[in-house]
Amino acid sequence: MPRELDDKDVSLLKRLAPELDEIVCEHSRVPYRSILPPLANHFARDLADFERRLGGLNNDELSYLVDLVMRGLESLSCMNPDYAEVFLRLVEDKISKETAKRVTARYIEGICEL
């Protein structure tokens, strides 16, 4: 799952976390390798803030994140389960229930791999 963020990823992360100065975790000094875990674990003040930030995504941006999750390039298991649930609910509301089920299955697989 570790990957280098490309320009599209960086742009999306900066849109979700405008306070982001550089793409390096200030605690580990390692570049971020994903979008959702840093948003949940470092930038969102709480669950409501995480939901508000993700709620601003358009369907194409949300579909892009879903695609990354399904390809194993974006991890939901690196976040508190409550945050993963917010993402899954948003997928169900904005994309489809079927897509949310597939992402949930992938999420569960990721947890079991740990």
C-alpha atoms as a PDB file:
ATOM      1  CA  MET A   1       0.000   0.000   0.000  1.00  0.00           C
ATOM      2  CA  PRO A   2       2.808   2.545   0.541  1.00  0.00           C
ATOM      3  CA  ARG A   3       3.042   4.772  -2.500  1.00  0.00           C
ATOM      4  CA  GLU A   4       4.219   8.172  -3.571  1.00  0.00           C
ATOM      5  CA  LEU A   5       1.448  10.692  -3.930  1.00  0.00           C
ATOM      6  CA  ASP A   6       1.139  12.034  -7.452  1.00  0.00           C
ATOM      7  CA  ASP A   7       0.073  15.572  -8.364  1.00  0.00           C
ATOM      8  CA  LYS A   8      -3.610  14.635  -8.358  1.00  0.00           C
ATOM      9  CA  ASP A   9      -3.291  13.086  -4.886  1.00  0.00           C
ATOM     10  CA  VAL A  10      -1.440  16.104  -3.505  1.00  0.00           C
ATOM     11  CA  SER A  11      -3.989  18.481  -4.980  1.00  0.00           C
ATOM     12  CA  LEU A  12      -6.854  16.512  -3.441  1.00  0.00           C
ATOM     13  CA  LEU A  13      -5.157  16.280  -0.039  1.00  0.00           C
ATOM     14  CA  LYS A  14      -4.489  20.029  -0.056  1.00  0.00           C
ATOM     15  CA  ARG A  15      -8.108  20.697  -0.970  1.00  0.00           C
ATOM     16  CA  LEU A  16      -9.291  18.515   1.918  1.00  0.00           C
ATOM     17  CA  ALA A  17      -6.696  19.956   4.309  1.00  0.00           C
ATOM     18  CA  PRO A  18      -5.956  23.524   3.177  1.00  0.00           C
ATOM     19  CA  GLU A  19      -3.850  24.069   6.292  1.00  0.00           C
ATOM     20  CA  LEU A  20      -1.337  21.520   4.964  1.00  0.00           C
ATOM     21  CA  ASP A  21       1.999  23.235   4.376  1.00  0.00           C
ATOM     22  CA  GLU A  22       4.060  20.364   3.062  1.00  0.00           C
ATOM     23  CA  ILE A  23       3.402  16.737   2.203  1.00  0.00           C
ATOM     24  CA  VAL A  24       5.563  15.514   5.076  1.00  0.00           C
ATOM     25  CA  CYS A  25       4.184  14.280   8.379  1.00  0.00           C
ATOM     26  CA  GLU A  26       5.521  16.654  10.996  1.00  0.00           C
ATOM     27  CA  HIS A  27       5.752  13.833  13.558  1.00  0.00           C
ATOM     28  CA  SER A  28       7.580  11.167  11.530  1.00  0.00           C
ATOM     29  CA  ARG A  29       9.164  13.532   8.952  1.00  0.00           C
ATOM     30  CA  VAL A  30       8.154  10.986   6.285  1.00  0.00           C
ATOM     31  CA  PRO A  31       6.129  12.030   3.227  1.00  0.00           C
ATOM     32  CA  TYR A  32       2.451  11.173   3.368  1.00  0.00           C
ATOM     33  CA  ARG A  33       1.682   8.019   1.391  1.00  0.00           C
ATOM     34  CA  SER A  34      -2.097   8.322   1.326  1.00  0.00           C
ATOM     35  CA  ILE A  35      -4.938  10.835   1.514  1.00  0.00           C
ATOM     36  CA  LEU A  36      -7.598   9.606   3.932  1.00  0.00           C
ATOM     37  CA  PRO A  37      -5.461   8.540   6.937  1.00  0.00           C
ATOM     38  CA  PRO A  38      -3.597  11.869   7.188  1.00  0.00           C
ATOM     39  CA  LEU A  39      -6.881  13.723   6.836  1.00  0.00           C
ATOM     40  CA  ALA A  40      -8.481  11.661   9.616  1.00  0.00           C
ATOM     41  CA  ASN A  41      -5.469  11.352  11.897  1.00  0.00           C
ATOM     42  CA  HIS A  42      -3.725  14.723  11.537  1.00  0.00           C
ATOM     43  CA  PHE A  43      -6.016  17.385  10.116  1.00  0.00           C
ATOM     44  CA  ALA A  44      -9.666  16.761  10.970  1.00  0.00           C
ATOM     45  CA  ARG A  45     -10.427  18.148  14.426  1.00  0.00           C
ATOM     46  CA  ASP A  46     -13.046  15.483  15.024  1.00  0.00           C
ATOM     47  CA  LEU A  47     -15.492  13.184  13.265  1.00  0.00           C
ATOM     48  CA  ALA A  48     -17.815  16.030  12.275  1.00  0.00           C
ATOM     49  CA  ASP A  49     -14.924  17.975  10.757  1.00  0.00           C
ATOM     50  CA  PHE A  50     -13.785  14.895   8.828  1.00  0.00           C
ATOM     51  CA  GLU A  51     -17.314  14.435   7.491  1.00  0.00           C
ATOM     52  CA  ARG A  52     -17.572  18.117   6.555  1.00  0.00           C
ATOM     53  CA  ARG A  53     -14.289  18.014   4.665  1.00  0.00           C
ATOM     54  CA  LEU A  54     -15.191  14.842   2.753  1.00  0.00           C
ATOM     55  CA  GLY A  55     -18.685  16.164   2.093  1.00  0.00           C
ATOM     56  CA  GLY A  56     -17.163  18.865  -0.096  1.00  0.00           C
ATOM     57  CA  LEU A  57     -15.860  16.305  -2.583  1.00  0.00           C
ATOM     58  CA  ASN A  58     -17.608  16.007  -5.907  1.00  0.00           C
ATOM     59  CA  ASN A  59     -18.560  12.562  -7.213  1.00  0.00           C
ATOM     60  CA  ASP A  60     -15.471  12.309  -9.424  1.00  0.00           C
ATOM     61  CA  GLU A  61     -13.154  13.013  -6.495  1.00  0.00           C
ATOM     62  CA  LEU A  62     -14.982  10.565  -4.265  1.00  0.00           C
ATOM     63  CA  SER A  63     -14.925   7.936  -7.022  1.00  0.00           C
ATOM     64  CA  TYR A  64     -11.177   8.491  -7.367  1.00  0.00           C
ATOM     65  CA  LEU A  65     -10.703   7.739  -3.655  1.00  0.00           C
ATOM     66  CA  VAL A  66     -12.935   4.668  -3.965  1.00  0.00           C
ATOM     67  CA  ASP A  67     -10.816   3.444  -6.872  1.00  0.00           C
ATOM     68  CA  LEU A  68      -7.642   3.892  -4.814  1.00  0.00           C
ATOM     69  CA  VAL A  69      -9.164   1.936  -1.924  1.00  0.00           C
ATOM     70  CA  MET A  70     -10.302  -0.860  -4.221  1.00  0.00           C
ATOM     71  CA  ARG A  71      -6.824  -1.114  -5.769  1.00  0.00           C
ATOM     72  CA  GLY A  72      -5.235  -1.270  -2.316  1.00  0.00           C
ATOM     73  CA  LEU A  73      -3.511   2.091  -2.726  1.00  0.00           C
ATOM     74  CA  GLU A  74      -5.529   3.913  -0.073  1.00  0.00           C
ATOM     75  CA  SER A  75      -6.186   2.386   3.335  1.00  0.00           C
ATOM     76  CA  LEU A  76      -9.216   2.784   5.534  1.00  0.00           C
ATOM     77  CA  SER A  77      -7.768   0.462   8.171  1.00  0.00           C
ATOM     78  CA  CYS A  78      -5.190   3.102   9.145  1.00  0.00           C
ATOM     79  CA  MET A  79      -8.013   5.241  10.543  1.00  0.00           C
ATOM     80  CA  ASN A  80     -10.293   4.950  13.531  1.00  0.00           C
ATOM     81  CA  PRO A  81     -13.249   2.763  12.465  1.00  0.00           C
ATOM     82  CA  ASP A  82     -15.653   5.654  13.095  1.00  0.00           C
ATOM     83  CA  TYR A  83     -13.848   7.674  10.428  1.00  0.00           C
ATOM     84  CA  ALA A  84     -13.928   4.758   8.002  1.00  0.00           C
ATOM     85  CA  GLU A  85     -17.666   4.502   8.629  1.00  0.00           C
ATOM     86  CA  VAL A  86     -18.120   8.168   7.691  1.00  0.00           C
ATOM     87  CA  PHE A  87     -16.314   7.541   4.413  1.00  0.00           C
ATOM     88  CA  LEU A  88     -18.387   4.427   3.699  1.00  0.00           C
ATOM     89  CA  ARG A  89     -21.635   6.251   4.441  1.00  0.00           C
ATOM     90  CA  LEU A  90     -20.623   9.068   2.112  1.00  0.00           C
ATOM     91  CA  VAL A  91     -19.857   6.548  -0.642  1.00  0.00           C
ATOM     92  CA  GLU A  92     -23.296   5.018  -0.160  1.00  0.00           C
ATOM     93  CA  ASP A  93     -25.025   8.416  -0.219  1.00  0.00           C
ATOM     94  CA  LYS A  94     -23.135   9.958  -3.139  1.00  0.00           C
ATOM     95  CA  ILE A  95     -22.244   6.974  -5.322  1.00  0.00           C
ATOM     96  CA  SER A  96     -24.257   3.837  -4.537  1.00  0.00           C
ATOM     97  CA  LYS A  97     -25.085   1.266  -1.916  1.00  0.00           C
ATOM     98  CA  GLU A  98     -23.448  -1.444  -4.052  1.00  0.00           C
ATOM     99  CA  THR A  99     -20.187   0.504  -4.281  1.00  0.00           C
ATOM    100  CA  ALA A 100     -20.255   1.075  -0.523  1.00  0.00           C
ATOM    101  CA  LYS A 101     -20.670  -2.685   0.002  1.00  0.00           C
ATOM    102  CA  ARG A 102     -17.634  -3.399  -2.197  1.00  0.00           C
ATOM    103  CA  VAL A 103     -15.540  -0.801  -0.366  1.00  0.00           C
ATOM    104  CA  THR A 104     -16.698  -2.201   2.983  1.00  0.00           C
ATOM    105  CA  ALA A 105     -15.599  -5.687   1.909  1.00  0.00           C
ATOM    106  CA  ARG A 106     -12.196  -4.291   0.912  1.00  0.00           C
ATOM    107  CA  TYR A 107     -11.969  -2.481   4.251  1.00  0.00           C
ATOM    108  CA  ILE A 108     -12.705  -5.709   6.135  1.00  0.00           C
ATOM    109  CA  GLU A 109     -10.078  -7.558   4.064  1.00  0.00           C
ATOM    110  CA  GLY A 110      -7.552  -4.869   4.994  1.00  0.00           C
ATOM    111  CA  ILE A 111      -8.297  -5.249   8.685  1.00  0.00           C
ATOM    112  CA  CYS A 112      -7.897  -9.014   8.460  1.00  0.00           C
ATOM    113  CA  GLU A 113      -4.515  -8.619   6.722  1.00  0.00           C
ATOM    114  CA  LEU A 114      -3.073  -6.743   9.707  1.00  0.00           C
END
